[in-house]
Amino acid sequence: MYISNWTFRPAAGKQAEVIENSRKVAEYWEKYGASECHLFVLQGADVGCMSFIAMFENAEAFGKANDGVVADPDFQELLAKVSSTGDFVRQNLVRRVF
């Protein structure tokens, strides 16, 4: 399993818009090969942030899906909307060990 994880800090009053946009982002990732996508509200060190994950069979599947979303102009337009609702904090790629 391979997971791409984006941590995002919504701007004040924008959480509902972030949720709506994240649903749309998930549709694109799944269209291009993600097996599952989820949005989480974080607690602890990143309280106030949200975490979007897209899950893949392996790194190759992630690479193919990433190529797809990068080349999709509608997805790029959606990312511009997402960026206007807060700040990206970090992005991590995670590979399952067991």
N, C-alpha and C. Protein backbone atom coordinates (compact mmCIF):
# COMPACT_ATOMS: atom_id res chain seq x y z
N MET A 1 0.84 -1.17 0.00
CA MET A 1 0.00 0.00 0.00
C MET A 1 0.89 1.24 0.00
N TYR A 2 0.42 2.26 -0.72
CA TYR A 2 1.14 3.52 -0.82
C TYR A 2 0.11 4.63 -0.62
N ILE A 3 0.42 5.58 0.24
CA ILE A 3 -0.53 6.63 0.59
C ILE A 3 0.12 7.99 0.38
N SER A 4 -0.63 8.87 -0.28
CA SER A 4 -0.22 10.27 -0.37
C SER A 4 -1.10 11.04 0.60
N ASN A 5 -0.46 11.81 1.48
CA ASN A 5 -1.15 12.48 2.57
C ASN A 5 -0.83 13.97 2.54
N TRP A 6 -1.87 14.80 2.39
CA TRP A 6 -1.71 16.26 2.39
C TRP A 6 -2.33 16.82 3.66
N THR A 7 -1.58 17.62 4.39
CA THR A 7 -2.10 18.31 5.56
C THR A 7 -2.41 19.74 5.15
N PHE A 8 -3.61 20.20 5.48
CA PHE A 8 -4.13 21.49 5.03
C PHE A 8 -4.74 22.24 6.21
N ARG A 9 -4.42 23.52 6.34
CA ARG A 9 -5.01 24.34 7.39
C ARG A 9 -6.06 25.25 6.76
N PRO A 10 -7.37 24.94 6.97
CA PRO A 10 -8.41 25.79 6.39
C PRO A 10 -8.37 27.21 6.97
N ALA A 11 -8.67 28.19 6.14
CA ALA A 11 -8.82 29.56 6.61
C ALA A 11 -10.09 29.64 7.47
N ALA A 12 -10.14 30.63 8.34
CA ALA A 12 -11.30 30.80 9.21
C ALA A 12 -12.59 30.85 8.39
N GLY A 13 -13.55 30.06 8.80
CA GLY A 13 -14.85 30.03 8.14
C GLY A 13 -14.89 29.27 6.83
N LYS A 14 -13.82 28.59 6.46
CA LYS A 14 -13.75 27.90 5.17
C LYS A 14 -13.82 26.37 5.26
N GLN A 15 -14.02 25.83 6.45
CA GLN A 15 -13.97 24.37 6.60
C GLN A 15 -15.01 23.67 5.73
N ALA A 16 -16.22 24.18 5.65
CA ALA A 16 -17.27 23.54 4.83
C ALA A 16 -16.86 23.53 3.36
N GLU A 17 -16.26 24.61 2.90
CA GLU A 17 -15.79 24.69 1.51
C GLU A 17 -14.64 23.71 1.27
N VAL A 18 -13.77 23.57 2.26
CA VAL A 18 -12.67 22.60 2.14
C VAL A 18 -13.22 21.19 2.03
N ILE A 19 -14.22 20.87 2.81
CA ILE A 19 -14.83 19.53 2.75
C ILE A 19 -15.44 19.30 1.37
N GLU A 20 -16.20 20.27 0.88
CA GLU A 20 -16.82 20.15 -0.44
C GLU A 20 -15.77 19.98 -1.54
N ASN A 21 -14.74 20.79 -1.51
CA ASN A 21 -13.68 20.69 -2.53
C ASN A 21 -12.92 19.37 -2.40
N SER A 22 -12.72 18.90 -1.18
CA SER A 22 -12.00 17.63 -0.97
C SER A 22 -12.77 16.45 -1.56
N ARG A 23 -14.08 16.49 -1.50
CA ARG A 23 -14.89 15.44 -2.14
C ARG A 23 -14.63 15.42 -3.65
N LYS A 24 -14.55 16.60 -4.23
CA LYS A 24 -14.28 16.70 -5.67
C LYS A 24 -12.86 16.23 -5.99
N VAL A 25 -11.90 16.62 -5.15
CA VAL A 25 -10.50 16.18 -5.34
C VAL A 25 -10.45 14.65 -5.30
N ALA A 26 -11.17 14.05 -4.36
CA ALA A 26 -11.19 12.59 -4.23
C ALA A 26 -11.70 11.93 -5.52
N GLU A 27 -12.71 12.53 -6.13
CA GLU A 27 -13.25 11.97 -7.37
C GLU A 27 -12.18 11.92 -8.47
N TYR A 28 -11.39 12.96 -8.56
CA TYR A 28 -10.31 12.97 -9.57
C TYR A 28 -9.26 11.91 -9.26
N TRP A 29 -8.81 11.85 -7.99
CA TRP A 29 -7.80 10.85 -7.65
C TRP A 29 -8.31 9.44 -7.94
N GLU A 30 -9.57 9.18 -7.60
CA GLU A 30 -10.13 7.86 -7.86
C GLU A 30 -10.28 7.60 -9.35
N LYS A 31 -10.63 8.63 -10.10
CA LYS A 31 -10.73 8.50 -11.56
C LYS A 31 -9.39 8.04 -12.15
N TYR A 32 -8.30 8.53 -11.59
CA TYR A 32 -6.97 8.21 -12.12
C TYR A 32 -6.27 7.06 -11.40
N GLY A 33 -6.95 6.40 -10.45
CA GLY A 33 -6.37 5.17 -9.92
C GLY A 33 -6.28 5.00 -8.42
N ALA A 34 -6.67 5.99 -7.63
CA ALA A 34 -6.65 5.78 -6.17
C ALA A 34 -7.69 4.74 -5.80
N SER A 35 -7.35 3.87 -4.88
CA SER A 35 -8.31 2.86 -4.44
C SER A 35 -9.29 3.43 -3.42
N GLU A 36 -8.83 4.40 -2.62
CA GLU A 36 -9.68 5.06 -1.63
C GLU A 36 -9.14 6.45 -1.37
N CYS A 37 -10.02 7.35 -0.97
CA CYS A 37 -9.63 8.68 -0.51
C CYS A 37 -10.43 9.00 0.75
N HIS A 38 -9.78 9.73 1.68
CA HIS A 38 -10.44 10.10 2.93
C HIS A 38 -9.99 11.49 3.36
N LEU A 39 -10.85 12.17 4.10
CA LEU A 39 -10.52 13.45 4.70
C LEU A 39 -10.68 13.31 6.20
N PHE A 40 -9.67 13.76 6.94
CA PHE A 40 -9.67 13.65 8.40
C PHE A 40 -9.51 15.03 9.03
N VAL A 41 -10.08 15.21 10.19
CA VAL A 41 -9.82 16.38 11.01
C VAL A 41 -8.75 15.97 12.01
N LEU A 42 -7.68 16.75 12.11
CA LEU A 42 -6.55 16.40 12.96
C LEU A 42 -6.67 17.02 14.34
N GLN A 43 -6.10 16.32 15.31
CA GLN A 43 -5.97 16.80 16.68
C GLN A 43 -4.50 16.72 17.04
N GLY A 44 -4.14 17.14 18.21
CA GLY A 44 -2.74 17.07 18.62
C GLY A 44 -1.95 18.22 18.04
N ALA A 45 -0.73 17.94 17.58
CA ALA A 45 0.19 18.98 17.11
C ALA A 45 -0.38 19.78 15.94
N ASP A 46 -1.20 19.17 15.11
CA ASP A 46 -1.77 19.85 13.94
C ASP A 46 -3.25 20.18 14.14
N VAL A 47 -3.65 20.46 15.38
CA VAL A 47 -5.05 20.79 15.65
C VAL A 47 -5.46 21.97 14.77
N GLY A 48 -6.67 21.87 14.23
CA GLY A 48 -7.16 22.90 13.31
C GLY A 48 -6.89 22.58 11.86
N CYS A 49 -6.08 21.55 11.62
CA CYS A 49 -5.77 21.14 10.25
C CYS A 49 -6.64 19.97 9.84
N MET A 50 -6.65 19.72 8.54
CA MET A 50 -7.33 18.56 7.98
C MET A 50 -6.30 17.78 7.17
N SER A 51 -6.51 16.49 7.07
CA SER A 51 -5.60 15.62 6.34
C SER A 51 -6.38 14.88 5.26
N PHE A 52 -5.96 15.05 4.01
CA PHE A 52 -6.55 14.34 2.88
C PHE A 52 -5.59 13.25 2.49
N ILE A 53 -6.10 12.02 2.38
CA ILE A 53 -5.24 10.92 1.93
C ILE A 53 -5.84 10.26 0.70
N ALA A 54 -4.95 9.87 -0.19
CA ALA A 54 -5.32 9.06 -1.36
C ALA A 54 -4.48 7.79 -1.26
N MET A 55 -5.14 6.64 -1.35
CA MET A 55 -4.48 5.34 -1.17
C MET A 55 -4.34 4.63 -2.51
N PHE A 56 -3.20 3.94 -2.65
CA PHE A 56 -2.87 3.25 -3.90
C PHE A 56 -2.31 1.87 -3.60
N GLU A 57 -2.40 1.01 -4.60
CA GLU A 57 -1.85 -0.35 -4.48
C GLU A 57 -0.34 -0.31 -4.22
N ASN A 58 0.35 0.58 -4.93
CA ASN A 58 1.81 0.68 -4.80
C ASN A 58 2.27 2.04 -5.34
N ALA A 59 3.56 2.29 -5.27
CA ALA A 59 4.11 3.58 -5.72
C ALA A 59 3.90 3.79 -7.22
N GLU A 60 3.95 2.73 -7.99
CA GLU A 60 3.73 2.86 -9.43
C GLU A 60 2.31 3.36 -9.72
N ALA A 61 1.33 2.82 -9.01
CA ALA A 61 -0.06 3.26 -9.19
C ALA A 61 -0.20 4.73 -8.79
N PHE A 62 0.48 5.12 -7.72
CA PHE A 62 0.46 6.54 -7.34
C PHE A 62 1.06 7.40 -8.45
N GLY A 63 2.19 6.99 -8.99
CA GLY A 63 2.84 7.76 -10.04
C GLY A 63 1.94 7.95 -11.26
N LYS A 64 1.27 6.89 -11.66
CA LYS A 64 0.36 6.98 -12.81
C LYS A 64 -0.81 7.92 -12.51
N ALA A 65 -1.38 7.81 -11.33
CA ALA A 65 -2.49 8.68 -10.95
C ALA A 65 -2.02 10.13 -10.84
N ASN A 66 -0.85 10.32 -10.28
CA ASN A 66 -0.31 11.68 -10.15
C ASN A 66 -0.10 12.30 -11.53
N ASP A 67 0.43 11.52 -12.47
CA ASP A 67 0.58 12.01 -13.85
C ASP A 67 -0.78 12.42 -14.41
N GLY A 68 -1.81 11.65 -14.11
CA GLY A 68 -3.15 11.94 -14.62
C GLY A 68 -3.71 13.24 -14.08
N VAL A 69 -3.63 13.45 -12.75
CA VAL A 69 -4.20 14.67 -12.18
C VAL A 69 -3.40 15.91 -12.57
N VAL A 70 -2.10 15.76 -12.69
CA VAL A 70 -1.26 16.90 -13.09
C VAL A 70 -1.61 17.36 -14.50
N ALA A 71 -1.95 16.43 -15.37
CA ALA A 71 -2.26 16.76 -16.76
C ALA A 71 -3.72 17.18 -16.97
N ASP A 72 -4.55 17.05 -15.95
CA ASP A 72 -5.98 17.34 -16.09
C ASP A 72 -6.24 18.82 -15.76
N PRO A 73 -6.62 19.62 -16.76
CA PRO A 73 -6.84 21.05 -16.50
C PRO A 73 -7.97 21.33 -15.52
N ASP A 74 -8.99 20.48 -15.50
CA ASP A 74 -10.09 20.68 -14.55
C ASP A 74 -9.62 20.46 -13.12
N PHE A 75 -8.75 19.47 -12.93
CA PHE A 75 -8.19 19.22 -11.60
C PHE A 75 -7.32 20.40 -11.18
N GLN A 76 -6.54 20.92 -12.09
CA GLN A 76 -5.67 22.06 -11.77
C GLN A 76 -6.51 23.29 -11.39
N GLU A 77 -7.63 23.49 -12.05
CA GLU A 77 -8.53 24.58 -11.71
C GLU A 77 -9.10 24.39 -10.30
N LEU A 78 -9.45 23.14 -9.98
CA LEU A 78 -9.96 22.82 -8.65
C LEU A 78 -8.89 23.09 -7.59
N LEU A 79 -7.64 22.75 -7.87
CA LEU A 79 -6.57 23.01 -6.91
C LEU A 79 -6.43 24.50 -6.61
N ALA A 80 -6.65 25.34 -7.61
CA ALA A 80 -6.61 26.78 -7.38
C ALA A 80 -7.70 27.19 -6.39
N LYS A 81 -8.89 26.59 -6.51
CA LYS A 81 -9.97 26.87 -5.56
C LYS A 81 -9.59 26.41 -4.15
N VAL A 82 -9.01 25.20 -4.08
CA VAL A 82 -8.59 24.67 -2.78
C VAL A 82 -7.58 25.61 -2.14
N SER A 83 -6.61 26.07 -2.91
CA SER A 83 -5.56 26.94 -2.39
C SER A 83 -6.10 28.25 -1.86
N SER A 84 -7.25 28.69 -2.35
CA SER A 84 -7.82 29.95 -1.89
C SER A 84 -8.58 29.80 -0.57
N THR A 85 -8.70 28.56 -0.05
CA THR A 85 -9.47 28.33 1.18
C THR A 85 -8.59 28.02 2.39
N GLY A 86 -7.28 28.16 2.23
CA GLY A 86 -6.37 27.89 3.35
C GLY A 86 -4.97 27.66 2.86
N ASP A 87 -4.17 27.00 3.70
CA ASP A 87 -2.75 26.79 3.40
C ASP A 87 -2.38 25.31 3.49
N PHE A 88 -1.63 24.85 2.49
CA PHE A 88 -1.05 23.51 2.57
C PHE A 88 0.09 23.57 3.58
N VAL A 89 0.10 22.63 4.52
CA VAL A 89 1.12 22.58 5.57
C VAL A 89 2.26 21.64 5.15
N ARG A 90 1.88 20.46 4.64
CA ARG A 90 2.89 19.48 4.23
C ARG A 90 2.24 18.40 3.39
N GLN A 91 3.09 17.66 2.71
CA GLN A 91 2.64 16.48 1.97
C GLN A 91 3.63 15.37 2.27
N ASN A 92 3.11 14.21 2.61
CA ASN A 92 3.94 13.05 2.89
C ASN A 92 3.52 11.89 2.01
N LEU A 93 4.49 11.09 1.62
CA LEU A 93 4.22 9.83 0.93
C LEU A 93 4.56 8.71 1.90
N VAL A 94 3.66 7.76 2.01
CA VAL A 94 3.77 6.72 3.03
C VAL A 94 3.72 5.34 2.36
N ARG A 95 4.66 4.48 2.69
CA ARG A 95 4.66 3.11 2.17
C ARG A 95 4.47 2.16 3.33
N ARG A 96 3.47 1.27 3.21
CA ARG A 96 3.19 0.33 4.29
C ARG A 96 4.33 -0.69 4.40
N VAL A 97 4.76 -0.93 5.61
CA VAL A 97 5.82 -1.92 5.88
C VAL A 97 5.19 -3.28 6.15
N PHE A 98 4.18 -3.35 7.00
CA PHE A 98 3.46 -4.60 7.24
C PHE A 98 2.02 -4.31 7.56
